[in-house]
Amino acid sequence: PEAGLIAASLIAAALALAPAPAQAIGTTFSFNLGSATATPPT
């Protein structure tokens, strides 16, 4: 049983040190379109 615990400990250590995969992140933007918000306005 002690040997099994050693193996489990080593696996847990490897998982802890493994880098997390990159993920896509984003921000939602809402545009209000019209003469009041346009550049140039006139």
All heavy atoms as atom14 arrays in JSON, in Angstrom:
{
  "sequence": "PEAGLIAASLIAAALALAPAPAQAIGTTFSFNLGSATATPPT",
  "atom14_mask": [
    [1, 1, 1, 1, 1, 1, 1, 0, 0, 0, 0, 0, 0, 0],
    [1, 1, 1, 1, 1, 1, 1, 1, 1, 0, 0, 0, 0, 0],
    [1, 1, 1, 1, 1, 0, 0, 0, 0, 0, 0, 0, 0, 0],
    [1, 1, 1, 1, 0, 0, 0, 0, 0, 0, 0, 0, 0, 0],
    [1, 1, 1, 1, 1, 1, 1, 1, 0, 0, 0, 0, 0, 0],
    [1, 1, 1, 1, 1, 1, 1, 1, 0, 0, 0, 0, 0, 0],
    [1, 1, 1, 1, 1, 0, 0, 0, 0, 0, 0, 0, 0, 0],
    [1, 1, 1, 1, 1, 0, 0, 0, 0, 0, 0, 0, 0, 0],
    [1, 1, 1, 1, 1, 1, 0, 0, 0, 0, 0, 0, 0, 0],
    [1, 1, 1, 1, 1, 1, 1, 1, 0, 0, 0, 0, 0, 0],
    [1, 1, 1, 1, 1, 1, 1, 1, 0, 0, 0, 0, 0, 0],
    [1, 1, 1, 1, 1, 0, 0, 0, 0, 0, 0, 0, 0, 0],
    [1, 1, 1, 1, 1, 0, 0, 0, 0, 0, 0, 0, 0, 0],
    [1, 1, 1, 1, 1, 0, 0, 0, 0, 0, 0, 0, 0, 0],
    [1, 1, 1, 1, 1, 1, 1, 1, 0, 0, 0, 0, 0, 0],
    [1, 1, 1, 1, 1, 0, 0, 0, 0, 0, 0, 0, 0, 0],
    [1, 1, 1, 1, 1, 1, 1, 1, 0, 0, 0, 0, 0, 0],
    [1, 1, 1, 1, 1, 0, 0, 0, 0, 0, 0, 0, 0, 0],
    [1, 1, 1, 1, 1, 1, 1, 0, 0, 0, 0, 0, 0, 0],
    [1, 1, 1, 1, 1, 0, 0, 0, 0, 0, 0, 0, 0, 0],
    [1, 1, 1, 1, 1, 1, 1, 0, 0, 0, 0, 0, 0, 0],
    [1, 1, 1, 1, 1, 0, 0, 0, 0, 0, 0, 0, 0, 0],
    [1, 1, 1, 1, 1, 1, 1, 1, 1, 0, 0, 0, 0, 0],
    [1, 1, 1, 1, 1, 0, 0, 0, 0, 0, 0, 0, 0, 0],
    [1, 1, 1, 1, 1, 1, 1, 1, 0, 0, 0, 0, 0, 0],
    [1, 1, 1, 1, 0, 0, 0, 0, 0, 0, 0, 0, 0, 0],
    [1, 1, 1, 1, 1, 1, 1, 0, 0, 0, 0, 0, 0, 0],
    [1, 1, 1, 1, 1, 1, 1, 0, 0, 0, 0, 0, 0, 0],
    [1, 1, 1, 1, 1, 1, 1, 1, 1, 1, 1, 0, 0, 0],
    [1, 1, 1, 1, 1, 1, 0, 0, 0, 0, 0, 0, 0, 0],
    [1, 1, 1, 1, 1, 1, 1, 1, 1, 1, 1, 0, 0, 0],
    [1, 1, 1, 1, 1, 1, 1, 1, 0, 0, 0, 0, 0, 0],
    [1, 1, 1, 1, 1, 1, 1, 1, 0, 0, 0, 0, 0, 0],
    [1, 1, 1, 1, 0, 0, 0, 0, 0, 0, 0, 0, 0, 0],
    [1, 1, 1, 1, 1, 1, 0, 0, 0, 0, 0, 0, 0, 0],
    [1, 1, 1, 1, 1, 0, 0, 0, 0, 0, 0, 0, 0, 0],
    [1, 1, 1, 1, 1, 1, 1, 0, 0, 0, 0, 0, 0, 0],
    [1, 1, 1, 1, 1, 0, 0, 0, 0, 0, 0, 0, 0, 0],
    [1, 1, 1, 1, 1, 1, 1, 0, 0, 0, 0, 0, 0, 0],
    [1, 1, 1, 1, 1, 1, 1, 0, 0, 0, 0, 0, 0, 0],
    [1, 1, 1, 1, 1, 1, 1, 0, 0, 0, 0, 0, 0, 0],
    [1, 1, 1, 1, 1, 1, 1, 0, 0, 0, 0, 0, 0, 0]
  ],
  "atom14_positions": [
    [[0.82, -1.22, 0.0], [0.0, 0.0, 0.0], [0.85, 1.26, 0.0], [0.5, 2.27, -0.57], [-0.82, -0.13, 1.27], [-0.88, -1.61, 1.53], [0.44, -2.15, 1.09], [0.0, 0.0, 0.0], [0.0, 0.0, 0.0], [0.0, 0.0, 0.0], [0.0, 0.0, 0.0], [0.0, 0.0, 0.0], [0.0, 0.0, 0.0], [0.0, 0.0, 0.0]],
    [[2.04, 1.19, 0.7], [2.89, 2.37, 0.75], [3.41, 2.72, -0.64], [3.5, 3.89, -1.02], [4.07, 2.13, 1.71], [3.68, 2.11, 3.18], [3.13, 0.76, 3.61], [2.99, -0.12, 2.73], [2.84, 0.59, 4.8], [0.0, 0.0, 0.0], [0.0, 0.0, 0.0], [0.0, 0.0, 0.0], [0.0, 0.0, 0.0], [0.0, 0.0, 0.0]],
    [[3.75, 1.68, -1.42], [4.24, 1.93, -2.78], [3.16, 2.58, -3.64], [3.43, 3.47, -4.45], [4.71, 0.63, -3.41], [0.0, 0.0, 0.0], [0.0, 0.0, 0.0], [0.0, 0.0, 0.0], [0.0, 0.0, 0.0], [0.0, 0.0, 0.0], [0.0, 0.0, 0.0], [0.0, 0.0, 0.0], [0.0, 0.0, 0.0], [0.0, 0.0, 0.0]],
    [[1.92, 2.12, -3.46], [0.82, 2.74, -4.2], [0.63, 4.2, -3.84], [0.34, 5.04, -4.69], [0.0, 0.0, 0.0], [0.0, 0.0, 0.0], [0.0, 0.0, 0.0], [0.0, 0.0, 0.0], [0.0, 0.0, 0.0], [0.0, 0.0, 0.0], [0.0, 0.0, 0.0], [0.0, 0.0, 0.0], [0.0, 0.0, 0.0], [0.0, 0.0, 0.0]],
    [[0.8, 4.5, -2.55], [0.67, 5.89, -2.13], [1.76, 6.76, -2.73], [1.54, 7.92, -3.08], [0.72, 5.97, -0.6], [-0.52, 5.45, 0.13], [-0.28, 5.45, 1.64], [-1.73, 6.29, -0.21], [0.0, 0.0, 0.0], [0.0, 0.0, 0.0], [0.0, 0.0, 0.0], [0.0, 0.0, 0.0], [0.0, 0.0, 0.0], [0.0, 0.0, 0.0]],
    [[2.97, 6.21, -2.85], [4.07, 6.97, -3.46], [3.73, 7.3, -4.91], [3.91, 8.43, -5.39], [5.38, 6.18, -3.37], [5.82, 6.07, -1.9], [6.46, 6.85, -4.2], [7.06, 5.23, -1.7], [0.0, 0.0, 0.0], [0.0, 0.0, 0.0], [0.0, 0.0, 0.0], [0.0, 0.0, 0.0], [0.0, 0.0, 0.0], [0.0, 0.0, 0.0]],
    [[3.24, 6.28, -5.64], [2.88, 6.51, -7.04], [1.79, 7.56, -7.18], [1.84, 8.45, -8.04], [2.43, 5.2, -7.68], [0.0, 0.0, 0.0], [0.0, 0.0, 0.0], [0.0, 0.0, 0.0], [0.0, 0.0, 0.0], [0.0, 0.0, 0.0], [0.0, 0.0, 0.0], [0.0, 0.0, 0.0], [0.0, 0.0, 0.0], [0.0, 0.0, 0.0]],
    [[0.79, 7.48, -6.31], [-0.3, 8.46, -6.36], [0.22, 9.86, -6.06], [-0.22, 10.85, -6.65], [-1.4, 8.07, -5.38], [0.0, 0.0, 0.0], [0.0, 0.0, 0.0], [0.0, 0.0, 0.0], [0.0, 0.0, 0.0], [0.0, 0.0, 0.0], [0.0, 0.0, 0.0], [0.0, 0.0, 0.0], [0.0, 0.0, 0.0], [0.0, 0.0, 0.0]],
    [[1.17, 9.96, -5.12], [1.71, 11.27, -4.78], [2.46, 11.87, -5.95], [2.36, 13.07, -6.23], [2.65, 11.15, -3.57], [1.95, 10.65, -2.45], [0.0, 0.0, 0.0], [0.0, 0.0, 0.0], [0.0, 0.0, 0.0], [0.0, 0.0, 0.0], [0.0, 0.0, 0.0], [0.0, 0.0, 0.0], [0.0, 0.0, 0.0], [0.0, 0.0, 0.0]],
    [[3.24, 11.03, -6.65], [3.99, 11.52, -7.81], [3.06, 11.97, -8.94], [3.31, 12.97, -9.61], [4.95, 10.44, -8.31], [6.07, 10.06, -7.33], [6.9, 8.92, -7.9], [6.95, 11.27, -7.04], [0.0, 0.0, 0.0], [0.0, 0.0, 0.0], [0.0, 0.0, 0.0], [0.0, 0.0, 0.0], [0.0, 0.0, 0.0], [0.0, 0.0, 0.0]],
    [[1.98, 11.24, -9.15], [1.02, 11.63, -10.18], [0.37, 12.96, -9.83], [0.19, 13.84, -10.67], [-0.05, 10.53, -10.36], [0.59, 9.27, -10.95], [-1.18, 11.02, -11.27], [-0.35, 8.09, -11.03], [0.0, 0.0, 0.0], [0.0, 0.0, 0.0], [0.0, 0.0, 0.0], [0.0, 0.0, 0.0], [0.0, 0.0, 0.0], [0.0, 0.0, 0.0]],
    [[-0.01, 13.12, -8.55], [-0.63, 14.37, -8.13], [0.33, 15.54, -8.3], [-0.07, 16.64, -8.7], [-1.06, 14.27, -6.66], [0.0, 0.0, 0.0], [0.0, 0.0, 0.0], [0.0, 0.0, 0.0], [0.0, 0.0, 0.0], [0.0, 0.0, 0.0], [0.0, 0.0, 0.0], [0.0, 0.0, 0.0], [0.0, 0.0, 0.0], [0.0, 0.0, 0.0]],
    [[1.63, 15.3, -8.03], [2.61, 16.36, -8.21], [2.73, 16.75, -9.67], [2.84, 17.93, -10.02], [3.96, 15.91, -7.66], [0.0, 0.0, 0.0], [0.0, 0.0, 0.0], [0.0, 0.0, 0.0], [0.0, 0.0, 0.0], [0.0, 0.0, 0.0], [0.0, 0.0, 0.0], [0.0, 0.0, 0.0], [0.0, 0.0, 0.0], [0.0, 0.0, 0.0]],
    [[2.73, 15.75, -10.56], [2.83, 16.04, -11.99], [1.64, 16.84, -12.48], [1.78, 17.77, -13.28], [2.95, 14.72, -12.77], [0.0, 0.0, 0.0], [0.0, 0.0, 0.0], [0.0, 0.0, 0.0], [0.0, 0.0, 0.0], [0.0, 0.0, 0.0], [0.0, 0.0, 0.0], [0.0, 0.0, 0.0], [0.0, 0.0, 0.0], [0.0, 0.0, 0.0]],
    [[0.45, 16.49, -12.01], [-0.74, 17.24, -12.4], [-0.71, 18.66, -11.88], [-1.15, 19.6, -12.55], [-2.0, 16.53, -11.9], [-2.31, 15.17, -12.56], [-3.51, 14.53, -11.88], [-2.56, 15.35, -14.05], [0.0, 0.0, 0.0], [0.0, 0.0, 0.0], [0.0, 0.0, 0.0], [0.0, 0.0, 0.0], [0.0, 0.0, 0.0], [0.0, 0.0, 0.0]],
    [[-0.19, 18.85, -10.7], [-0.13, 20.18, -10.12], [0.82, 21.08, -10.89], [0.61, 22.29, -11.0], [0.3, 20.1, -8.65], [0.0, 0.0, 0.0], [0.0, 0.0, 0.0], [0.0, 0.0, 0.0], [0.0, 0.0, 0.0], [0.0, 0.0, 0.0], [0.0, 0.0, 0.0], [0.0, 0.0, 0.0], [0.0, 0.0, 0.0], [0.0, 0.0, 0.0]],
    [[1.91, 20.5, -11.43], [2.91, 21.27, -12.16], [2.55, 21.48, -13.62], [3.15, 22.3, -14.29], [4.27, 20.57, -12.07], [4.9, 20.55, -10.67], [6.15, 19.68, -10.69], [5.25, 21.94, -10.2], [0.0, 0.0, 0.0], [0.0, 0.0, 0.0], [0.0, 0.0, 0.0], [0.0, 0.0, 0.0], [0.0, 0.0, 0.0], [0.0, 0.0, 0.0]],
    [[1.56, 20.74, -14.14], [1.21, 20.85, -15.56], [0.57, 22.2, -15.84], [-0.31, 22.63, -15.1], [0.25, 19.73, -15.95], [0.0, 0.0, 0.0], [0.0, 0.0, 0.0], [0.0, 0.0, 0.0], [0.0, 0.0, 0.0], [0.0, 0.0, 0.0], [0.0, 0.0, 0.0], [0.0, 0.0, 0.0], [0.0, 0.0, 0.0], [0.0, 0.0, 0.0]],
    [[1.0, 22.9, -16.93], [0.39, 24.21, -17.24], [-1.02, 24.06, -17.75], [-1.37, 23.07, -18.4], [1.32, 24.77, -18.34], [1.92, 23.56, -18.97], [2.06, 22.54, -17.87], [0.0, 0.0, 0.0], [0.0, 0.0, 0.0], [0.0, 0.0, 0.0], [0.0, 0.0, 0.0], [0.0, 0.0, 0.0], [0.0, 0.0, 0.0], [0.0, 0.0, 0.0]],
    [[-1.87, 25.04, -17.46], [-3.26, 25.02, -17.93], [-3.3, 25.42, -19.39], [-2.53, 26.26, -19.84], [-4.11, 25.98, -17.09], [0.0, 0.0, 0.0], [0.0, 0.0, 0.0], [0.0, 0.0, 0.0], [0.0, 0.0, 0.0], [0.0, 0.0, 0.0], [0.0, 0.0, 0.0], [0.0, 0.0, 0.0], [0.0, 0.0, 0.0], [0.0, 0.0, 0.0]],
    [[-4.19, 24.82, -20.21], [-4.28, 25.18, -21.61], [-4.8, 26.6, -21.8], [-5.57, 27.11, -20.99], [-5.29, 24.15, -22.17], [-6.11, 23.75, -20.98], [-5.17, 23.8, -19.82], [0.0, 0.0, 0.0], [0.0, 0.0, 0.0], [0.0, 0.0, 0.0], [0.0, 0.0, 0.0], [0.0, 0.0, 0.0], [0.0, 0.0, 0.0], [0.0, 0.0, 0.0]],
    [[-4.37, 27.24, -22.91], [-4.84, 28.59, -23.22], [-6.3, 28.56, -23.63], [-6.76, 27.61, -24.26], [-4.0, 29.19, -24.34], [0.0, 0.0, 0.0], [0.0, 0.0, 0.0], [0.0, 0.0, 0.0], [0.0, 0.0, 0.0], [0.0, 0.0, 0.0], [0.0, 0.0, 0.0], [0.0, 0.0, 0.0], [0.0, 0.0, 0.0], [0.0, 0.0, 0.0]],
    [[-7.04, 29.59, -23.25], [-8.45, 29.69, -23.58], [-8.74, 31.02, -24.27], [-8.04, 32.01, -24.04], [-9.31, 29.57, -22.32], [-9.22, 28.22, -21.63], [-10.1, 28.15, -20.4], [-10.57, 29.16, -19.92], [-10.33, 26.96, -19.91], [0.0, 0.0, 0.0], [0.0, 0.0, 0.0], [0.0, 0.0, 0.0], [0.0, 0.0, 0.0], [0.0, 0.0, 0.0]],
    [[-9.75, 31.03, -25.15], [-10.15, 32.26, -25.83], [-11.01, 33.11, -24.91], [-11.89, 32.61, -24.23], [-10.92, 31.93, -27.11], [0.0, 0.0, 0.0], [0.0, 0.0, 0.0], [0.0, 0.0, 0.0], [0.0, 0.0, 0.0], [0.0, 0.0, 0.0], [0.0, 0.0, 0.0], [0.0, 0.0, 0.0], [0.0, 0.0, 0.0], [0.0, 0.0, 0.0]],
    [[-10.69, 34.38, -24.85], [-11.47, 35.3, -24.03], [-11.96, 36.42, -24.92], [-11.42, 36.65, -26.0], [-10.63, 35.86, -22.87], [-9.38, 36.57, -23.42], [-10.24, 34.77, -21.89], [-8.54, 37.22, -22.35], [0.0, 0.0, 0.0], [0.0, 0.0, 0.0], [0.0, 0.0, 0.0], [0.0, 0.0, 0.0], [0.0, 0.0, 0.0], [0.0, 0.0, 0.0]],
    [[-13.0, 37.13, -24.51], [-13.52, 38.19, -25.35], [-14.38, 39.15, -24.56], [-14.8, 38.87, -23.43], [0.0, 0.0, 0.0], [0.0, 0.0, 0.0], [0.0, 0.0, 0.0], [0.0, 0.0, 0.0], [0.0, 0.0, 0.0], [0.0, 0.0, 0.0], [0.0, 0.0, 0.0], [0.0, 0.0, 0.0], [0.0, 0.0, 0.0], [0.0, 0.0, 0.0]],
    [[-14.62, 40.32, -25.16], [-15.45, 41.36, -24.57], [-16.55, 41.72, -25.55], [-16.3, 41.86, -26.76], [-14.6, 42.6, -24.26], [-13.54, 42.24, -23.37], [-15.45, 43.69, -23.61], [0.0, 0.0, 0.0], [0.0, 0.0, 0.0], [0.0, 0.0, 0.0], [0.0, 0.0, 0.0], [0.0, 0.0, 0.0], [0.0, 0.0, 0.0], [0.0, 0.0, 0.0]],
    [[-17.77, 41.86, -25.07], [-18.91, 42.2, -25.92], [-19.07, 43.71, -25.99], [-19.07, 44.4, -24.97], [-20.2, 41.55, -25.39], [-20.04, 40.12, -25.38], [-21.38, 41.91, -26.28], [0.0, 0.0, 0.0], [0.0, 0.0, 0.0], [0.0, 0.0, 0.0], [0.0, 0.0, 0.0], [0.0, 0.0, 0.0], [0.0, 0.0, 0.0], [0.0, 0.0, 0.0]],
    [[-19.21, 44.23, -27.21], [-19.38, 45.66, -27.44], [-20.7, 45.9, -28.17], [-21.06, 45.16, -29.07], [-18.24, 46.22, -28.3], [-16.9, 46.24, -27.61], [-16.07, 45.13, -27.64], [-16.48, 47.37, -26.92], [-14.84, 45.15, -27.02], [-15.24, 47.4, -26.29], [-14.42, 46.29, -26.33], [0.0, 0.0, 0.0], [0.0, 0.0, 0.0], [0.0, 0.0, 0.0]],
    [[-21.39, 46.96, -27.77], [-22.65, 47.33, -28.39], [-22.52, 48.74, -28.99], [-22.24, 49.71, -28.26], [-23.78, 47.3, -27.36], [-25.01, 47.66, -27.94], [0.0, 0.0, 0.0], [0.0, 0.0, 0.0], [0.0, 0.0, 0.0], [0.0, 0.0, 0.0], [0.0, 0.0, 0.0], [0.0, 0.0, 0.0], [0.0, 0.0, 0.0], [0.0, 0.0, 0.0]],
    [[-22.7, 48.84, -30.31], [-22.61, 50.11, -31.01], [-23.99, 50.71, -31.22], [-24.91, 50.02, -31.67], [-21.94, 49.94, -32.38], [-20.47, 49.66, -32.33], [-20.0, 48.36, -32.3], [-19.56, 50.71, -32.3], [-18.64, 48.1, -32.26], [-18.2, 50.46, -32.25], [-17.74, 49.15, -32.23], [0.0, 0.0, 0.0], [0.0, 0.0, 0.0], [0.0, 0.0, 0.0]],
    [[-24.14, 52.0, -30.9], [-25.32, 52.76, -31.24], [-24.98, 53.61, -32.46], [-24.08, 54.46, -32.4], [-25.76, 53.65, -30.07], [-26.27, 52.84, -28.89], [-27.03, 51.89, -29.08], [-25.84, 53.18, -27.7], [0.0, 0.0, 0.0], [0.0, 0.0, 0.0], [0.0, 0.0, 0.0], [0.0, 0.0, 0.0], [0.0, 0.0, 0.0], [0.0, 0.0, 0.0]],
    [[-25.67, 53.36, -33.57], [-25.31, 53.98, -34.84], [-26.31, 55.07, -35.2], [-27.53, 54.84, -35.15], [-25.27, 52.92, -35.94], [-24.41, 51.68, -35.64], [-24.54, 50.66, -36.76], [-22.97, 52.08, -35.43], [0.0, 0.0, 0.0], [0.0, 0.0, 0.0], [0.0, 0.0, 0.0], [0.0, 0.0, 0.0], [0.0, 0.0, 0.0], [0.0, 0.0, 0.0]],
    [[-25.82, 56.22, -35.57], [-26.67, 57.34, -35.96], [-25.87, 58.62, -35.99], [-24.67, 58.65, -35.67], [0.0, 0.0, 0.0], [0.0, 0.0, 0.0], [0.0, 0.0, 0.0], [0.0, 0.0, 0.0], [0.0, 0.0, 0.0], [0.0, 0.0, 0.0], [0.0, 0.0, 0.0], [0.0, 0.0, 0.0], [0.0, 0.0, 0.0], [0.0, 0.0, 0.0]],
    [[-26.53, 59.71, -36.36], [-25.82, 60.99, -36.48], [-25.3, 61.48, -35.14], [-24.28, 62.17, -35.07], [-26.75, 62.03, -37.1], [-27.95, 62.14, -36.34], [0.0, 0.0, 0.0], [0.0, 0.0, 0.0], [0.0, 0.0, 0.0], [0.0, 0.0, 0.0], [0.0, 0.0, 0.0], [0.0, 0.0, 0.0], [0.0, 0.0, 0.0], [0.0, 0.0, 0.0]],
    [[-25.97, 61.12, -34.03], [-25.56, 61.62, -32.71], [-24.27, 60.97, -32.22], [-23.54, 61.56, -31.42], [-26.67, 61.39, -31.69], [0.0, 0.0, 0.0], [0.0, 0.0, 0.0], [0.0, 0.0, 0.0], [0.0, 0.0, 0.0], [0.0, 0.0, 0.0], [0.0, 0.0, 0.0], [0.0, 0.0, 0.0], [0.0, 0.0, 0.0], [0.0, 0.0, 0.0]],
    [[-23.95, 59.77, -32.68], [-22.77, 59.05, -32.19], [-21.68, 58.93, -33.25], [-20.65, 58.33, -32.99], [-23.17, 57.64, -31.72], [-23.83, 56.95, -32.79], [-24.1, 57.71, -30.52], [0.0, 0.0, 0.0], [0.0, 0.0, 0.0], [0.0, 0.0, 0.0], [0.0, 0.0, 0.0], [0.0, 0.0, 0.0], [0.0, 0.0, 0.0], [0.0, 0.0, 0.0]],
    [[-21.91, 59.47, -34.44], [-20.96, 59.34, -35.53], [-19.86, 60.39, -35.45], [-20.04, 61.48, -34.92], [-21.68, 59.45, -36.87], [0.0, 0.0, 0.0], [0.0, 0.0, 0.0], [0.0, 0.0, 0.0], [0.0, 0.0, 0.0], [0.0, 0.0, 0.0], [0.0, 0.0, 0.0], [0.0, 0.0, 0.0], [0.0, 0.0, 0.0], [0.0, 0.0, 0.0]],
    [[-18.71, 60.04, -35.98], [-17.6, 60.98, -36.15], [-17.18, 60.96, -37.62], [-16.78, 59.91, -38.11], [-16.4, 60.61, -35.27], [-16.82, 60.58, -33.89], [-15.28, 61.6, -35.43], [0.0, 0.0, 0.0], [0.0, 0.0, 0.0], [0.0, 0.0, 0.0], [0.0, 0.0, 0.0], [0.0, 0.0, 0.0], [0.0, 0.0, 0.0], [0.0, 0.0, 0.0]],
    [[-17.34, 62.08, -38.34], [-17.86, 63.37, -37.87], [-19.39, 63.34, -37.78], [-20.05, 62.66, -38.55], [-17.4, 64.33, -38.97], [-17.35, 63.48, -40.2], [-16.91, 62.12, -39.74], [0.0, 0.0, 0.0], [0.0, 0.0, 0.0], [0.0, 0.0, 0.0], [0.0, 0.0, 0.0], [0.0, 0.0, 0.0], [0.0, 0.0, 0.0], [0.0, 0.0, 0.0]],
    [[-19.97, 64.12, -36.85], [-21.44, 64.15, -36.73], [-22.11, 64.92, -37.86], [-23.26, 64.63, -38.21], [-21.66, 64.84, -35.38], [-20.42, 65.67, -35.18], [-19.3, 64.92, -35.82], [0.0, 0.0, 0.0], [0.0, 0.0, 0.0], [0.0, 0.0, 0.0], [0.0, 0.0, 0.0], [0.0, 0.0, 0.0], [0.0, 0.0, 0.0], [0.0, 0.0, 0.0]],
    [[-21.41, 65.91, -38.41], [-21.94, 66.69, -39.54], [-20.84, 66.82, -40.6], [-19.65, 66.84, -40.26], [-22.38, 68.09, -39.08], [-21.26, 68.76, -38.48], [-23.53, 68.0, -38.09], [0.0, 0.0, 0.0], [0.0, 0.0, 0.0], [0.0, 0.0, 0.0], [0.0, 0.0, 0.0], [0.0, 0.0, 0.0], [0.0, 0.0, 0.0], [0.0, 0.0, 0.0]]
  ]
}
